[in-house]
Amino acid sequence: MPLSEGKLMVKNYLDNKSKLFTGEITLPNTETYDSEAFVALLKQPDCVKIRIHYGMNEDKVICAIFVGVDSNGNEITIKNNGIIANTEADDEYVIELSTKCPPICSDETDQSVKKLI
């Protein structure tokens, strides 16, 4: 999609998100992820697409959760390949850990880091 359409969609979201939920549920403005996780997901055999699920953490913050999708439409997770050092952890992973804004936001006046806002 053209950047101008993306900008309009982001503006509409930011202008209207407070109407969606009020009170204790938080919708982030942005989420920033490490590229390593996406590279690991896309390297899984037959990963041809990425699907986003939405979840809510224990602090009632809405979170994007990413899984891969194979050529048959089946979901793919990241197999344990050393990304997670904890040996007691599951052997399959999804992408969720992000830096959410708020509370951690880049400088609103620095347009070099924000193309959609």
C-alpha atoms as a PDB file:
ATOM      1  CA  MET A   1       0.000   0.000   0.000  1.00  0.00           C
ATOM      2  CA  PRO A   2       1.208   3.537  -0.570  1.00  0.00           C
ATOM      3  CA  LEU A   3       2.732   5.292   2.454  1.00  0.00           C
ATOM      4  CA  SER A   4      -0.021   7.934   2.267  1.00  0.00           C
ATOM      5  CA  GLU A   5      -2.703   5.262   2.808  1.00  0.00           C
ATOM      6  CA  GLY A   6      -0.741   3.821   5.716  1.00  0.00           C
ATOM      7  CA  LYS A   7      -0.460   7.273   7.267  1.00  0.00           C
ATOM      8  CA  LEU A   8      -4.219   7.785   6.974  1.00  0.00           C
ATOM      9  CA  MET A   9      -4.945   4.404   8.568  1.00  0.00           C
ATOM     10  CA  VAL A  10      -2.557   5.094  11.466  1.00  0.00           C
ATOM     11  CA  LYS A  11      -4.083   8.548  11.985  1.00  0.00           C
ATOM     12  CA  ASN A  12      -7.588   7.035  12.035  1.00  0.00           C
ATOM     13  CA  TYR A  13      -6.474   4.435  14.583  1.00  0.00           C
ATOM     14  CA  LEU A  14      -4.806   6.967  16.872  1.00  0.00           C
ATOM     15  CA  ASP A  15      -7.766   9.360  16.599  1.00  0.00           C
ATOM     16  CA  ASN A  16     -10.292   6.641  17.429  1.00  0.00           C
ATOM     17  CA  LYS A  17      -8.561   4.105  19.693  1.00  0.00           C
ATOM     18  CA  SER A  18      -9.844   5.714  22.891  1.00  0.00           C
ATOM     19  CA  LYS A  19     -13.391   5.102  21.626  1.00  0.00           C
ATOM     20  CA  LEU A  20     -12.735   1.363  21.327  1.00  0.00           C
ATOM     21  CA  PHE A  21     -11.745   0.674  24.916  1.00  0.00           C
ATOM     22  CA  THR A  22     -11.906   2.793  27.997  1.00  0.00           C
ATOM     23  CA  GLY A  23     -10.573   2.220  31.457  1.00  0.00           C
ATOM     24  CA  GLU A  24      -8.125  -0.554  32.183  1.00  0.00           C
ATOM     25  CA  ILE A  25      -7.495  -1.925  28.671  1.00  0.00           C
ATOM     26  CA  THR A  26      -4.536  -0.377  26.822  1.00  0.00           C
ATOM     27  CA  LEU A  27      -4.064  -0.232  23.065  1.00  0.00           C
ATOM     28  CA  PRO A  28      -0.472   0.641  22.154  1.00  0.00           C
ATOM     29  CA  ASN A  29       0.271   3.248  19.504  1.00  0.00           C
ATOM     30  CA  THR A  30       3.174   1.178  18.179  1.00  0.00           C
ATOM     31  CA  GLU A  31       5.110  -2.021  18.867  1.00  0.00           C
ATOM     32  CA  THR A  32       8.746  -2.458  17.846  1.00  0.00           C
ATOM     33  CA  TYR A  33      10.288  -5.920  17.371  1.00  0.00           C
ATOM     34  CA  ASP A  34      13.809  -7.264  16.889  1.00  0.00           C
ATOM     35  CA  SER A  35      14.353  -8.382  13.309  1.00  0.00           C
ATOM     36  CA  GLU A  36      16.062 -11.612  14.449  1.00  0.00           C
ATOM     37  CA  ALA A  37      12.725 -13.087  15.461  1.00  0.00           C
ATOM     38  CA  PHE A  38      11.176 -12.450  12.036  1.00  0.00           C
ATOM     39  CA  VAL A  39      14.237 -13.836  10.281  1.00  0.00           C
ATOM     40  CA  ALA A  40      13.979 -16.994  12.412  1.00  0.00           C
ATOM     41  CA  LEU A  41      10.262 -17.292  11.619  1.00  0.00           C
ATOM     42  CA  LEU A  42      10.737 -16.792   7.875  1.00  0.00           C
ATOM     43  CA  LYS A  43      13.532 -19.407   7.862  1.00  0.00           C
ATOM     44  CA  GLN A  44      11.133 -22.132   9.007  1.00  0.00           C
ATOM     45  CA  PRO A  45      10.469 -24.647   6.202  1.00  0.00           C
ATOM     46  CA  ASP A  46       7.677 -23.564   3.819  1.00  0.00           C
ATOM     47  CA  CYS A  47       6.970 -20.292   5.634  1.00  0.00           C
ATOM     48  CA  VAL A  48       5.406 -18.136   2.915  1.00  0.00           C
ATOM     49  CA  LYS A  49       3.335 -15.634   4.940  1.00  0.00           C
ATOM     50  CA  ILE A  50       3.038 -14.098   8.390  1.00  0.00           C
ATOM     51  CA  ARG A  51      -0.225 -14.035  10.365  1.00  0.00           C
ATOM     52  CA  ILE A  52      -0.984 -11.634  13.218  1.00  0.00           C
ATOM     53  CA  HIS A  53      -3.116 -12.674  16.167  1.00  0.00           C
ATOM     54  CA  TYR A  54      -4.085 -10.182  18.837  1.00  0.00           C
ATOM     55  CA  GLY A  55      -3.849 -11.043  22.510  1.00  0.00           C
ATOM     56  CA  MET A  56      -3.883  -9.335  25.870  1.00  0.00           C
ATOM     57  CA  ASN A  57      -1.148  -9.604  28.490  1.00  0.00           C
ATOM     58  CA  GLU A  58      -1.621  -9.736  32.251  1.00  0.00           C
ATOM     59  CA  ASP A  59      -1.506  -5.923  32.398  1.00  0.00           C
ATOM     60  CA  LYS A  60      -4.484  -5.790  29.999  1.00  0.00           C
ATOM     61  CA  VAL A  61      -2.365  -4.386  27.152  1.00  0.00           C
ATOM     62  CA  ILE A  62      -3.355  -5.515  23.653  1.00  0.00           C
ATOM     63  CA  CYS A  63      -0.411  -7.295  21.968  1.00  0.00           C
ATOM     64  CA  ALA A  64       0.285  -8.431  18.426  1.00  0.00           C
ATOM     65  CA  ILE A  65       1.399 -12.082  18.217  1.00  0.00           C
ATOM     66  CA  PHE A  66       3.014 -13.304  14.994  1.00  0.00           C
ATOM     67  CA  VAL A  67       3.151 -16.815  13.532  1.00  0.00           C
ATOM     68  CA  GLY A  68       4.233 -18.038  10.133  1.00  0.00           C
ATOM     69  CA  VAL A  69       1.868 -19.575   7.587  1.00  0.00           C
ATOM     70  CA  ASP A  70       2.836 -22.361   5.189  1.00  0.00           C
ATOM     71  CA  SER A  71       1.714 -22.796   1.582  1.00  0.00           C
ATOM     72  CA  ASN A  72      -1.323 -24.803   2.788  1.00  0.00           C
ATOM     73  CA  GLY A  73      -2.479 -22.089   5.208  1.00  0.00           C
ATOM     74  CA  ASN A  74      -1.246 -23.901   8.333  1.00  0.00           C
ATOM     75  CA  GLU A  75       0.373 -21.932  11.122  1.00  0.00           C
ATOM     76  CA  ILE A  76       4.110 -22.300  11.726  1.00  0.00           C
ATOM     77  CA  THR A  77       5.951 -21.506  14.940  1.00  0.00           C
ATOM     78  CA  ILE A  78       9.648 -20.871  15.478  1.00  0.00           C
ATOM     79  CA  LYS A  79      11.375 -24.094  16.458  1.00  0.00           C
ATOM     80  CA  ASN A  80      13.930 -23.800  19.259  1.00  0.00           C
ATOM     81  CA  ASN A  81      17.142 -22.944  17.485  1.00  0.00           C
ATOM     82  CA  GLY A  82      19.040 -21.187  20.216  1.00  0.00           C
ATOM     83  CA  ILE A  83      17.100 -17.908  20.241  1.00  0.00           C
ATOM     84  CA  ILE A  84      15.807 -18.705  23.720  1.00  0.00           C
ATOM     85  CA  ALA A  85      18.582 -19.722  26.107  1.00  0.00           C
ATOM     86  CA  ASN A  86      16.275 -21.145  28.802  1.00  0.00           C
ATOM     87  CA  THR A  87      16.516 -24.929  28.413  1.00  0.00           C
ATOM     88  CA  GLU A  88      13.290 -25.431  30.356  1.00  0.00           C
ATOM     89  CA  ALA A  89      11.312 -23.312  27.903  1.00  0.00           C
ATOM     90  CA  ASP A  90       8.978 -24.692  25.243  1.00  0.00           C
ATOM     91  CA  ASP A  91      10.577 -25.806  22.012  1.00  0.00           C
ATOM     92  CA  GLU A  92       8.200 -23.737  19.861  1.00  0.00           C
ATOM     93  CA  TYR A  93       7.849 -19.977  19.920  1.00  0.00           C
ATOM     94  CA  VAL A  94       5.756 -17.152  18.511  1.00  0.00           C
ATOM     95  CA  ILE A  95       6.792 -13.516  18.154  1.00  0.00           C
ATOM     96  CA  GLU A  96       5.306 -11.246  20.801  1.00  0.00           C
ATOM     97  CA  LEU A  97       8.030  -9.539  22.835  1.00  0.00           C
ATOM     98  CA  SER A  98       8.079  -5.952  21.697  1.00  0.00           C
ATOM     99  CA  THR A  99       8.796  -2.469  22.888  1.00  0.00           C
ATOM    100  CA  LYS A 100       5.393  -0.859  23.202  1.00  0.00           C
ATOM    101  CA  CYS A 101       4.610   2.836  22.869  1.00  0.00           C
ATOM    102  CA  PRO A 102       3.435   3.954  25.320  1.00  0.00           C
ATOM    103  CA  PRO A 103       5.321   3.741  27.635  1.00  0.00           C
ATOM    104  CA  ILE A 104       8.555   3.678  25.586  1.00  0.00           C
ATOM    105  CA  CYS A 105       8.167   6.034  22.642  1.00  0.00           C
ATOM    106  CA  SER A 106      10.630   7.688  20.303  1.00  0.00           C
ATOM    107  CA  ASP A 107      10.810  11.464  20.185  1.00  0.00           C
ATOM    108  CA  GLU A 108       7.523  12.675  18.660  1.00  0.00           C
ATOM    109  CA  THR A 109       9.346  15.585  17.006  1.00  0.00           C
ATOM    110  CA  ASP A 110      11.973  13.410  15.279  1.00  0.00           C
ATOM    111  CA  GLN A 111      10.367  12.807  11.869  1.00  0.00           C
ATOM    112  CA  SER A 112      13.379  10.794  10.693  1.00  0.00           C
ATOM    113  CA  VAL A 113      12.217   7.884  12.856  1.00  0.00           C
ATOM    114  CA  LYS A 114       8.490   8.142  12.148  1.00  0.00           C
ATOM    115  CA  LYS A 115       7.220   7.695   8.613  1.00  0.00           C
ATOM    116  CA  LEU A 116       3.579   6.832   9.374  1.00  0.00           C
ATOM    117  CA  ILE A 117       2.857   9.510  11.949  1.00  0.00           C
END
